[in-house]
Amino acid sequence: MDQVPGSPQEPRGATGLPVCYRHPDRETGITCTRCERPICPECMISASVGFQCPECVRDGSGTGHAPAANQPRTVAGGTVTADPRLVTKVLVGLNLALFLVQLAVGDRFTDQYDLLGRAFVPEFGSVEGVAEGQWYRLVTAMFLHGSIMHIAFNMLSLWWIGGPLEAALGRARYIALYMGSGLAGSALTYLLEEPYRPSLGASGAIFGLFGATAILMRRLKYDMRPVLALLAINLLITAFWPSIAWQAHVGGLVGGVVIGFAMVHAPRERRNVIQYGSCALVLAATVIMVLVRTGQLT
C-alpha cells in the first residue's frame, strides 16, 4: 500500500523527525508545500509560499525546464544546479593542487604567498608583507597549508559542511560567503598578529562556513546541537593550541555569521540588495582593518 505524504507511516529518523524522501539518511522538519513530502536543504526549492520538491517543480512547469521567470531557487534565492557541490569540489581541488606545488617548490613558494604583515625575508633580501603593498597575501594565504595534517583536517571540514551549504545557498552566494569569511579572517590576523609571524590556511573561510551553517540550521528549525558542539570543540582547540592563528578563526566566524544571516533571512523583495550588501559590509570592514594596521607598521 502506498504511503500518504505527511502520514504517521512515513519513514522517520532516530530523533523521530521525518527523513527526506530522496535522502533517507537526512532528517528534516521541512515539507513540500504541494505534495507534503519531507525535503532536506539540498532538495528544497524556494517557491512563492514555502518550499517545493524537485518533482513538483518539474511537474508544475509542464516540461523539464521552468520558464526563466520561475527558475527553481535555493532557500537563499540561488539557482538550483545539476551538481550542487561543484564549487566545493573546485575549492578542494585548488587547495590540494597548491599544496602539491608547496611540496614541490618548497619554502620559497610558500614564503612568497603566505600571510605576512611586515618582515625582512633573507631569501628575497628585502622587506616583504602586506604592509609593503602585497595585499594579494590576504587571498593567497587562504589556499596554502603548513602540513599534511593541516590540509587534511581543513579539506575534510570543507567537504562535510561546504557541500550541503553550497546546495542551500547556490554557487554565487556560496563563493561570496567563502571569500568574504576568508578575507575577514586574514584581515583580523594581519591586524592583531605580530607582523613578522607568517600565517596560512583555509581555516578562516571554513569557520565562516560553520557560522553560516548554524544560521541556516536555525532558520530551518533543525537540531543545532551537533553543529554547535563541533564549533565549540574547534574554538577550544583554537584557544589552547599555541600554533593556531585564532584571529583567522574568529574573523572568519564573525564574517560567516554576518553574511550567512543575510543570505538566509533576507526578504524576497530585497534579497539581492541585503545579501550582497552584507558581503560589501564585511569587505569594507576588511579594508578598514588592513588600512589601520598598515598605518601602524609604516
Protein backbone atom coordinates (compact mmCIF):
# COMPACT_ATOMS: atom_id res chain seq x y z
CA MET A 1 0.00 0.00 0.00
CA ASP A 2 1.32 3.46 -0.89
CA GLN A 3 2.05 5.79 1.98
CA VAL A 4 0.19 9.07 2.10
CA PRO A 5 2.61 12.01 2.23
CA GLY A 6 2.75 13.54 5.67
CA SER A 7 1.11 10.49 7.27
CA PRO A 8 2.43 8.92 10.50
CA GLN A 9 3.58 5.87 8.47
CA GLU A 10 6.28 7.77 6.58
CA PRO A 11 9.90 6.87 7.50
CA ARG A 12 11.37 8.67 10.47
CA GLY A 13 14.89 9.14 11.80
CA ALA A 14 16.45 8.39 15.15
CA THR A 15 15.05 11.57 16.74
CA GLY A 16 11.53 10.99 15.44
CA LEU A 17 11.68 13.58 12.66
CA PRO A 18 10.69 12.55 9.11
CA VAL A 19 13.52 11.81 6.66
CA CYS A 20 13.92 13.35 3.22
CA TYR A 21 12.12 11.29 0.59
CA ARG A 22 15.19 11.48 -1.69
CA HIS A 23 17.85 11.14 1.04
CA PRO A 24 16.66 8.66 3.71
CA ASP A 25 19.72 9.35 5.88
CA ARG A 26 18.75 13.02 6.43
CA GLU A 27 16.14 14.08 8.96
CA THR A 28 14.14 17.21 8.20
CA GLY A 29 11.33 19.35 9.52
CA ILE A 30 10.50 20.89 6.12
CA THR A 31 7.87 19.55 3.73
CA CYS A 32 6.97 20.35 0.12
CA THR A 33 4.05 22.78 0.03
CA ARG A 34 2.46 20.85 -2.87
CA CYS A 35 2.88 17.15 -2.10
CA GLU A 36 3.83 17.46 1.61
CA ARG A 37 6.76 15.07 1.27
CA PRO A 38 9.71 15.78 3.65
CA ILE A 39 12.62 17.51 1.89
CA CYS A 40 16.17 18.34 3.05
CA PRO A 41 18.05 21.59 2.21
CA GLU A 42 19.61 20.02 -0.90
CA CYS A 43 16.17 19.14 -2.29
CA MET A 44 14.12 22.17 -1.24
CA ILE A 45 13.40 24.76 -3.91
CA SER A 46 12.12 28.18 -2.96
CA ALA A 47 8.52 28.79 -4.06
CA SER A 48 6.15 31.74 -3.77
CA VAL A 49 5.00 30.22 -0.49
CA GLY A 50 7.34 27.84 1.36
CA PHE A 51 9.43 25.26 -0.50
CA GLN A 52 8.76 22.61 -3.15
CA CYS A 53 10.49 19.36 -4.04
CA PRO A 54 12.23 18.94 -7.44
CA GLU A 55 9.48 16.65 -8.80
CA CYS A 56 6.70 19.14 -8.06
CA VAL A 57 8.69 21.94 -9.68
CA ARG A 58 9.17 19.85 -12.82
CA ASP A 59 5.54 18.69 -12.91
CA GLY A 60 4.27 22.22 -12.41
CA SER A 61 6.20 23.56 -15.41
CA GLY A 62 4.79 21.05 -17.92
CA THR A 63 8.33 20.34 -19.19
CA GLY A 64 11.68 19.59 -17.74
CA HIS A 65 12.56 23.30 -17.73
CA ALA A 66 10.64 26.05 -15.96
CA PRO A 67 10.28 29.46 -17.61
CA ALA A 68 13.11 31.88 -16.90
CA ALA A 69 10.97 33.92 -14.51
CA ASN A 70 10.15 30.81 -12.47
CA GLN A 71 13.51 29.03 -12.37
CA PRO A 72 13.90 26.79 -9.29
CA ARG A 73 15.66 28.61 -6.47
CA THR A 74 17.52 27.51 -3.38
CA VAL A 75 16.48 28.55 0.11
CA ALA A 76 18.70 31.64 -0.26
CA GLY A 77 17.46 32.51 -3.74
CA GLY A 78 20.30 30.96 -5.72
CA THR A 79 19.86 28.95 -8.90
CA VAL A 80 19.41 25.20 -8.47
CA THR A 81 22.15 23.39 -10.43
CA ALA A 82 22.71 19.83 -11.60
CA ASP A 83 25.85 19.49 -9.45
CA PRO A 84 25.24 21.33 -6.16
CA ARG A 85 28.78 20.57 -4.91
CA LEU A 86 30.74 21.83 -7.93
CA VAL A 87 32.29 24.88 -6.23
CA THR A 88 33.22 22.84 -3.17
CA LYS A 89 34.96 20.30 -5.42
CA VAL A 90 36.85 23.10 -7.18
CA LEU A 91 37.93 24.64 -3.87
CA VAL A 92 39.15 21.30 -2.52
CA GLY A 93 40.99 20.61 -5.78
CA LEU A 94 42.60 24.07 -5.80
CA ASN A 95 43.82 23.72 -2.22
CA LEU A 96 45.24 20.26 -2.90
CA ALA A 97 46.93 21.40 -6.12
CA LEU A 98 48.62 24.35 -4.41
CA PHE A 99 49.73 22.10 -1.55
CA LEU A 100 51.45 19.86 -4.09
CA VAL A 101 53.16 22.96 -5.52
CA GLN A 102 54.32 23.84 -1.99
CA LEU A 103 55.81 20.37 -1.58
CA ALA A 104 57.48 20.51 -4.99
CA VAL A 105 58.86 24.06 -4.88
CA GLY A 106 59.47 24.36 -1.15
CA ASP A 107 59.50 27.23 1.31
CA ARG A 108 60.45 29.80 -1.32
CA PHE A 109 56.99 29.48 -2.86
CA THR A 110 55.16 29.42 0.50
CA ASP A 111 57.10 32.41 1.88
CA GLN A 112 56.12 34.47 -1.14
CA TYR A 113 52.38 33.90 -0.79
CA ASP A 114 51.60 33.27 2.90
CA LEU A 115 50.13 35.97 5.14
CA LEU A 116 52.99 38.14 6.38
CA GLY A 117 52.50 41.56 7.91
CA ARG A 118 55.95 43.05 7.56
CA ALA A 119 59.31 41.33 7.92
CA PHE A 120 62.77 41.09 6.43
CA VAL A 121 62.97 37.95 4.32
CA PRO A 122 66.59 36.81 3.83
CA GLU A 123 65.69 34.69 0.78
CA PHE A 124 64.47 37.78 -1.08
CA GLY A 125 66.87 40.23 0.54
CA SER A 126 64.11 42.76 1.21
CA VAL A 127 61.23 43.68 3.50
CA GLU A 128 58.10 41.79 2.47
CA GLY A 129 54.48 41.72 3.64
CA VAL A 130 51.02 43.21 3.37
CA ALA A 131 52.30 46.48 4.80
CA GLU A 132 54.63 46.73 1.80
CA GLY A 133 51.65 46.70 -0.55
CA GLN A 134 51.43 42.93 -1.03
CA TRP A 135 47.68 42.77 -0.40
CA TYR A 136 47.43 39.63 -2.51
CA ARG A 137 48.77 37.72 0.51
CA LEU A 138 45.37 38.17 2.20
CA VAL A 139 43.89 35.96 -0.54
CA THR A 140 46.71 33.58 -1.44
CA ALA A 141 47.28 32.60 2.21
CA MET A 142 43.73 31.18 2.25
CA PHE A 143 44.80 28.44 -0.18
CA LEU A 144 48.12 27.38 1.39
CA HIS A 145 48.76 24.89 4.22
CA GLY A 146 51.61 24.04 6.54
CA SER A 147 51.40 20.25 6.76
CA ILE A 148 49.55 17.17 5.57
CA MET A 149 47.51 17.09 8.79
CA HIS A 150 46.67 20.78 8.37
CA ILE A 151 45.28 20.42 4.86
CA ALA A 152 43.62 17.06 5.60
CA PHE A 153 41.62 18.48 8.50
CA ASN A 154 40.64 21.62 6.58
CA MET A 155 39.62 19.79 3.41
CA LEU A 156 37.55 17.21 5.30
CA SER A 157 35.75 20.04 7.09
CA LEU A 158 35.24 21.88 3.79
CA TRP A 159 33.77 18.78 2.14
CA TRP A 160 31.46 17.89 5.05
CA ILE A 161 29.92 21.31 5.60
CA GLY A 162 30.65 23.06 2.33
CA GLY A 163 28.69 20.76 0.02
CA PRO A 164 25.32 20.98 1.83
CA LEU A 165 25.80 24.72 2.33
CA GLU A 166 26.53 25.26 -1.35
CA ALA A 167 23.37 23.33 -2.22
CA ALA A 168 21.33 25.53 0.12
CA LEU A 169 22.79 28.89 -0.97
CA GLY A 170 23.64 28.46 -4.63
CA ARG A 171 27.06 28.88 -6.23
CA ALA A 172 27.40 32.67 -6.38
CA ARG A 173 26.29 33.20 -2.78
CA TYR A 174 28.44 30.34 -1.58
CA ILE A 175 31.55 31.81 -3.24
CA ALA A 176 30.76 35.23 -1.75
CA LEU A 177 30.42 33.65 1.71
CA TYR A 178 33.65 31.65 1.39
CA MET A 179 35.77 34.53 0.14
CA GLY A 180 34.23 37.10 2.48
CA SER A 181 34.83 34.91 5.53
CA GLY A 182 38.36 34.04 4.46
CA LEU A 183 39.28 37.69 3.87
CA ALA A 184 37.81 38.70 7.24
CA GLY A 185 39.97 36.05 8.90
CA SER A 186 43.08 37.21 7.05
CA ALA A 187 42.44 40.86 7.90
CA LEU A 188 41.93 40.21 11.63
CA THR A 189 45.13 38.13 11.67
CA TYR A 190 47.02 40.95 9.98
CA LEU A 191 45.58 43.45 12.45
CA LEU A 192 46.34 41.57 15.68
CA GLU A 193 49.20 39.14 14.99
CA GLU A 194 52.87 40.06 15.23
CA PRO A 195 53.80 41.36 11.76
CA TYR A 196 56.81 39.05 11.32
CA ARG A 197 54.86 35.84 12.01
CA PRO A 198 53.60 34.15 8.82
CA SER A 199 50.10 32.64 8.74
CA LEU A 200 48.34 30.43 6.22
CA GLY A 201 45.39 28.07 5.82
CA ALA A 202 41.73 27.87 4.80
CA SER A 203 40.53 27.84 8.42
CA GLY A 204 39.13 31.38 8.36
CA ALA A 205 36.88 30.59 5.40
CA ILE A 206 35.87 27.24 6.90
CA PHE A 207 34.92 28.82 10.22
CA GLY A 208 32.78 31.20 8.19
CA LEU A 209 31.02 28.17 6.70
CA PHE A 210 30.49 26.83 10.23
CA GLY A 211 28.83 30.09 11.26
CA ALA A 212 26.61 30.22 8.19
CA THR A 213 25.62 26.57 8.68
CA ALA A 214 24.47 27.31 12.22
CA ILE A 215 22.36 30.21 10.93
CA LEU A 216 20.85 28.04 8.19
CA MET A 217 20.02 25.19 10.58
CA ARG A 218 18.30 27.61 12.94
CA ARG A 219 16.32 29.02 10.01
CA LEU A 220 15.18 25.52 9.02
CA LYS A 221 14.45 24.58 12.65
CA TYR A 222 16.98 21.74 12.64
CA ASP A 223 18.62 20.42 15.79
CA MET A 224 21.58 22.80 16.21
CA ARG A 225 23.33 20.88 18.96
CA PRO A 226 25.65 18.84 16.68
CA VAL A 227 26.98 21.85 14.75
CA LEU A 228 27.26 23.98 17.90
CA ALA A 229 29.15 21.20 19.68
CA LEU A 230 31.52 20.82 16.72
CA LEU A 231 32.02 24.59 16.58
CA ALA A 232 32.71 24.72 20.35
CA ILE A 233 35.30 21.94 20.06
CA ASN A 234 37.06 23.77 17.25
CA LEU A 235 37.08 27.03 19.22
CA LEU A 236 38.55 25.24 22.24
CA ILE A 237 41.28 23.76 20.06
CA THR A 238 41.90 27.23 18.67
CA ALA A 239 42.22 28.71 22.16
CA PHE A 240 44.61 26.12 23.59
CA TRP A 241 46.77 25.21 20.59
CA PRO A 242 49.55 27.82 20.51
CA SER A 243 50.49 27.44 16.82
CA ILE A 244 46.95 28.18 15.56
CA ALA A 245 46.13 31.71 14.42
CA TRP A 246 42.96 32.21 16.46
CA GLN A 247 42.44 35.58 14.82
CA ALA A 248 41.70 33.93 11.46
CA HIS A 249 39.15 31.61 13.07
CA VAL A 250 37.36 34.39 14.95
CA GLY A 251 37.41 36.77 12.00
CA GLY A 252 36.12 34.12 9.62
CA LEU A 253 33.40 33.03 12.04
CA VAL A 254 32.11 36.57 12.54
CA GLY A 255 32.18 37.25 8.81
CA GLY A 256 30.36 33.99 8.11
CA VAL A 257 27.65 34.71 10.66
CA VAL A 258 27.03 38.21 9.27
CA ILE A 259 26.90 37.08 5.63
CA GLY A 260 25.07 33.83 6.43
CA PHE A 261 22.34 35.65 8.36
CA ALA A 262 21.73 37.98 5.43
CA MET A 263 21.75 35.07 2.97
CA VAL A 264 19.00 33.05 4.66
CA HIS A 265 16.89 35.78 6.29
CA ALA A 266 16.75 38.47 3.59
CA PRO A 267 13.14 39.15 2.46
CA ARG A 268 12.43 38.06 -1.10
CA GLU A 269 11.71 41.55 -2.45
CA ARG A 270 15.08 42.93 -1.29
CA ARG A 271 17.08 39.72 -1.29
CA ASN A 272 19.95 40.66 -3.58
CA VAL A 273 20.48 44.09 -2.04
CA ILE A 274 20.65 42.74 1.51
CA GLN A 275 22.67 39.63 0.69
CA TYR A 276 25.37 41.28 -1.36
CA GLY A 277 25.20 44.38 0.83
CA SER A 278 26.28 42.20 3.77
CA CYS A 279 29.21 40.96 1.68
CA ALA A 280 30.15 44.56 0.91
CA LEU A 281 29.93 45.39 4.63
CA VAL A 282 32.32 42.57 5.56
CA LEU A 283 34.65 43.60 2.73
CA ALA A 284 34.60 47.21 3.95
CA ALA A 285 35.49 46.05 7.49
CA THR A 286 38.33 44.02 5.98
CA VAL A 287 39.72 47.02 4.12
CA ILE A 288 39.49 49.20 7.24
CA MET A 289 41.41 46.64 9.33
CA VAL A 290 44.10 46.40 6.66
CA LEU A 291 44.45 50.18 6.37
CA VAL A 292 44.63 50.64 10.15
CA ARG A 293 47.33 48.00 10.56
CA THR A 294 49.30 49.24 7.56
CA GLY A 295 49.28 52.72 9.06
CA GLN A 296 50.69 51.30 12.31
CA LEU A 297 53.54 49.48 10.53
CA THR A 298 54.64 52.14 8.08
